[in-house]
């Protein structure tokens, strides 16, 4: 009998369920004339209030690397991400082209992070 390579033959089905688990924090601020001293508006984190109306005492929540994003609304209008930055530690928000933002305009920052959890199941059938 000639030499033969024996191979295992099996079928497997893998299913993966992923829960994205979004974690959203919202911060609110009404622009004061003092924050608009030039074309750039710099708002310290302690000037914002949270969803419960509490004044912030520390830094804003920052986005998770590769797993979150910011949304900034000025007067209820979503702004392009190139027009603002949130400092690395969340201590301030800087809005460029701020000279066009009227005093007392509501500014809303939404911080969206995800904590995804995946579960995979492999079923082997023969």
C-alpha atoms as a PDB file:
ATOM      1  CA  UNK A   1       0.000   0.000   0.000  1.00  0.00           C
ATOM      2  CA  UNK A   2       1.297   3.448  -0.904  1.00  0.00           C
ATOM      3  CA  UNK A   3       1.942   6.047   1.757  1.00  0.00           C
ATOM      4  CA  UNK A   4      -1.103   8.216   2.322  1.00  0.00           C
ATOM      5  CA  UNK A   5      -1.517  11.428   4.264  1.00  0.00           C
ATOM      6  CA  UNK A   6      -4.556  11.229   6.476  1.00  0.00           C
ATOM      7  CA  UNK A   7      -6.421  14.484   7.032  1.00  0.00           C
ATOM      8  CA  UNK A   8      -9.102  15.294   9.526  1.00  0.00           C
ATOM      9  CA  UNK A   9     -12.245  16.569   7.906  1.00  0.00           C
ATOM     10  CA  UNK A  10     -14.605  18.656   9.987  1.00  0.00           C
ATOM     11  CA  UNK A  11     -16.908  21.589   9.608  1.00  0.00           C
ATOM     12  CA  UNK A  12     -17.074  24.390  12.112  1.00  0.00           C
ATOM     13  CA  UNK A  13     -19.427  27.303  12.502  1.00  0.00           C
ATOM     14  CA  UNK A  14     -18.364  30.350  14.486  1.00  0.00           C
ATOM     15  CA  UNK A  15     -20.763  33.044  15.585  1.00  0.00           C
ATOM     16  CA  UNK A  16     -19.669  36.270  17.235  1.00  0.00           C
ATOM     17  CA  UNK A  17     -21.921  38.664  19.107  1.00  0.00           C
ATOM     18  CA  UNK A  18     -20.593  42.147  19.855  1.00  0.00           C
ATOM     19  CA  UNK A  19     -22.203  44.653  22.208  1.00  0.00           C
ATOM     20  CA  UNK A  20     -20.895  48.178  21.559  1.00  0.00           C
ATOM     21  CA  UNK A  21     -21.840  49.553  24.993  1.00  0.00           C
ATOM     22  CA  UNK A  22     -21.795  53.281  24.174  1.00  0.00           C
ATOM     23  CA  UNK A  23     -20.948  55.614  27.028  1.00  0.00           C
ATOM     24  CA  UNK A  24     -22.048  59.182  26.290  1.00  0.00           C
ATOM     25  CA  UNK A  25     -21.273  62.232  28.426  1.00  0.00           C
ATOM     26  CA  UNK A  26     -22.683  65.661  27.566  1.00  0.00           C
ATOM     27  CA  UNK A  27     -21.398  69.026  28.739  1.00  0.00           C
ATOM     28  CA  UNK A  28     -23.097  72.393  28.367  1.00  0.00           C
ATOM     29  CA  UNK A  29     -21.904  75.977  28.344  1.00  0.00           C
ATOM     30  CA  UNK A  30     -23.254  79.405  27.405  1.00  0.00           C
ATOM     31  CA  UNK A  31     -20.513  81.534  25.821  1.00  0.00           C
ATOM     32  CA  UNK A  32     -19.319  84.466  27.919  1.00  0.00           C
ATOM     33  CA  UNK A  33     -17.673  87.506  26.402  1.00  0.00           C
ATOM     34  CA  UNK A  34     -14.583  86.855  28.565  1.00  0.00           C
ATOM     35  CA  UNK A  35     -13.866  83.551  26.791  1.00  0.00           C
ATOM     36  CA  UNK A  36     -13.847  85.223  23.377  1.00  0.00           C
ATOM     37  CA  UNK A  37     -10.813  87.479  23.572  1.00  0.00           C
ATOM     38  CA  UNK A  38      -9.643  86.748  20.029  1.00  0.00           C
ATOM     39  CA  UNK A  39     -10.687  84.672  17.038  1.00  0.00           C
ATOM     40  CA  UNK A  40     -10.091  81.588  19.192  1.00  0.00           C
ATOM     41  CA  UNK A  41     -12.398  80.673  22.073  1.00  0.00           C
ATOM     42  CA  UNK A  42     -10.837  78.774  24.992  1.00  0.00           C
ATOM     43  CA  UNK A  43     -13.304  77.347  27.492  1.00  0.00           C
ATOM     44  CA  UNK A  44     -11.900  75.808  30.700  1.00  0.00           C
ATOM     45  CA  UNK A  45     -13.546  72.530  31.735  1.00  0.00           C
ATOM     46  CA  UNK A  46     -14.757  74.057  35.014  1.00  0.00           C
ATOM     47  CA  UNK A  47     -17.052  76.428  33.061  1.00  0.00           C
ATOM     48  CA  UNK A  48     -19.143  73.526  31.713  1.00  0.00           C
ATOM     49  CA  UNK A  49     -22.091  71.860  33.444  1.00  0.00           C
ATOM     50  CA  UNK A  50     -22.981  68.173  33.169  1.00  0.00           C
ATOM     51  CA  UNK A  51     -26.333  66.515  32.337  1.00  0.00           C
ATOM     52  CA  UNK A  52     -27.521  67.001  35.921  1.00  0.00           C
ATOM     53  CA  UNK A  53     -26.736  70.736  35.831  1.00  0.00           C
ATOM     54  CA  UNK A  54     -23.712  70.397  38.142  1.00  0.00           C
ATOM     55  CA  UNK A  55     -20.757  72.654  37.453  1.00  0.00           C
ATOM     56  CA  UNK A  56     -17.678  70.664  36.548  1.00  0.00           C
ATOM     57  CA  UNK A  57     -15.039  70.585  39.267  1.00  0.00           C
ATOM     58  CA  UNK A  58     -12.450  68.638  37.296  1.00  0.00           C
ATOM     59  CA  UNK A  59     -11.647  67.777  33.721  1.00  0.00           C
ATOM     60  CA  UNK A  60     -14.000  66.672  30.989  1.00  0.00           C
ATOM     61  CA  UNK A  61     -14.169  63.018  29.982  1.00  0.00           C
ATOM     62  CA  UNK A  62     -11.783  62.358  27.101  1.00  0.00           C
ATOM     63  CA  UNK A  63     -12.254  59.931  24.234  1.00  0.00           C
ATOM     64  CA  UNK A  64     -10.723  56.478  24.293  1.00  0.00           C
ATOM     65  CA  UNK A  65      -7.967  56.054  21.731  1.00  0.00           C
ATOM     66  CA  UNK A  66      -9.435  54.569  18.542  1.00  0.00           C
ATOM     67  CA  UNK A  67     -12.722  53.938  20.322  1.00  0.00           C
ATOM     68  CA  UNK A  68     -14.491  57.251  20.750  1.00  0.00           C
ATOM     69  CA  UNK A  69     -15.206  60.674  19.320  1.00  0.00           C
ATOM     70  CA  UNK A  70     -16.346  64.196  20.196  1.00  0.00           C
ATOM     71  CA  UNK A  71     -19.295  66.139  18.827  1.00  0.00           C
ATOM     72  CA  UNK A  72     -19.501  69.897  19.328  1.00  0.00           C
ATOM     73  CA  UNK A  73     -22.695  71.855  18.822  1.00  0.00           C
ATOM     74  CA  UNK A  74     -22.780  75.664  18.731  1.00  0.00           C
ATOM     75  CA  UNK A  75     -26.266  77.202  18.768  1.00  0.00           C
ATOM     76  CA  UNK A  76     -27.590  73.671  18.176  1.00  0.00           C
ATOM     77  CA  UNK A  77     -25.551  73.200  14.991  1.00  0.00           C
ATOM     78  CA  UNK A  78     -23.038  70.359  14.717  1.00  0.00           C
ATOM     79  CA  UNK A  79     -19.530  71.684  14.014  1.00  0.00           C
ATOM     80  CA  UNK A  80     -16.792  70.141  11.898  1.00  0.00           C
ATOM     81  CA  UNK A  81     -14.171  68.371  13.990  1.00  0.00           C
ATOM     82  CA  UNK A  82     -11.412  70.490  12.419  1.00  0.00           C
ATOM     83  CA  UNK A  83     -12.880  73.613  14.104  1.00  0.00           C
ATOM     84  CA  UNK A  84     -12.308  72.540  17.717  1.00  0.00           C
ATOM     85  CA  UNK A  85     -10.006  70.568  19.975  1.00  0.00           C
ATOM     86  CA  UNK A  86     -10.327  69.108  23.440  1.00  0.00           C
ATOM     87  CA  UNK A  87      -7.073  69.154  25.404  1.00  0.00           C
ATOM     88  CA  UNK A  88      -5.404  65.786  26.024  1.00  0.00           C
ATOM     89  CA  UNK A  89      -6.406  65.775  29.680  1.00  0.00           C
ATOM     90  CA  UNK A  90      -9.829  67.303  29.112  1.00  0.00           C
ATOM     91  CA  UNK A  91      -8.981  70.574  30.873  1.00  0.00           C
ATOM     92  CA  UNK A  92     -10.303  72.823  28.109  1.00  0.00           C
ATOM     93  CA  UNK A  93     -12.076  73.087  24.777  1.00  0.00           C
ATOM     94  CA  UNK A  94     -10.622  75.362  22.091  1.00  0.00           C
ATOM     95  CA  UNK A  95     -12.812  76.578  19.243  1.00  0.00           C
ATOM     96  CA  UNK A  96     -11.107  78.146  16.239  1.00  0.00           C
ATOM     97  CA  UNK A  97     -12.946  80.762  14.185  1.00  0.00           C
ATOM     98  CA  UNK A  98     -14.694  81.761  17.383  1.00  0.00           C
ATOM     99  CA  UNK A  99     -15.239  85.331  16.236  1.00  0.00           C
ATOM    100  CA  UNK A 100     -18.401  84.130  14.462  1.00  0.00           C
ATOM    101  CA  UNK A 101     -19.919  82.644  17.646  1.00  0.00           C
ATOM    102  CA  UNK A 102     -22.308  85.104  19.323  1.00  0.00           C
ATOM    103  CA  UNK A 103     -22.022  85.803  23.049  1.00  0.00           C
ATOM    104  CA  UNK A 104     -24.556  83.703  25.039  1.00  0.00           C
ATOM    105  CA  UNK A 105     -24.596  81.010  22.339  1.00  0.00           C
ATOM    106  CA  UNK A 106     -25.203  77.563  23.853  1.00  0.00           C
ATOM    107  CA  UNK A 107     -22.253  75.225  23.347  1.00  0.00           C
ATOM    108  CA  UNK A 108     -22.719  71.487  23.827  1.00  0.00           C
ATOM    109  CA  UNK A 109     -19.884  68.959  23.852  1.00  0.00           C
ATOM    110  CA  UNK A 110     -20.806  65.284  23.540  1.00  0.00           C
ATOM    111  CA  UNK A 111     -18.136  62.713  24.375  1.00  0.00           C
ATOM    112  CA  UNK A 112     -18.872  59.287  22.924  1.00  0.00           C
ATOM    113  CA  UNK A 113     -16.817  56.301  24.050  1.00  0.00           C
ATOM    114  CA  UNK A 114     -17.412  52.637  23.404  1.00  0.00           C
ATOM    115  CA  UNK A 115     -16.609  49.652  25.619  1.00  0.00           C
ATOM    116  CA  UNK A 116     -17.237  46.790  23.195  1.00  0.00           C
ATOM    117  CA  UNK A 117     -17.523  43.222  24.417  1.00  0.00           C
ATOM    118  CA  UNK A 118     -17.467  40.301  21.980  1.00  0.00           C
ATOM    119  CA  UNK A 119     -18.392  36.700  22.609  1.00  0.00           C
ATOM    120  CA  UNK A 120     -17.561  33.992  20.067  1.00  0.00           C
ATOM    121  CA  UNK A 121     -18.946  30.472  19.947  1.00  0.00           C
ATOM    122  CA  UNK A 122     -17.518  27.782  17.702  1.00  0.00           C
ATOM    123  CA  UNK A 123     -19.558  24.679  17.034  1.00  0.00           C
ATOM    124  CA  UNK A 124     -17.833  21.735  15.369  1.00  0.00           C
ATOM    125  CA  UNK A 125     -19.926  19.463  13.207  1.00  0.00           C
ATOM    126  CA  UNK A 126     -18.681  16.370  11.446  1.00  0.00           C
END
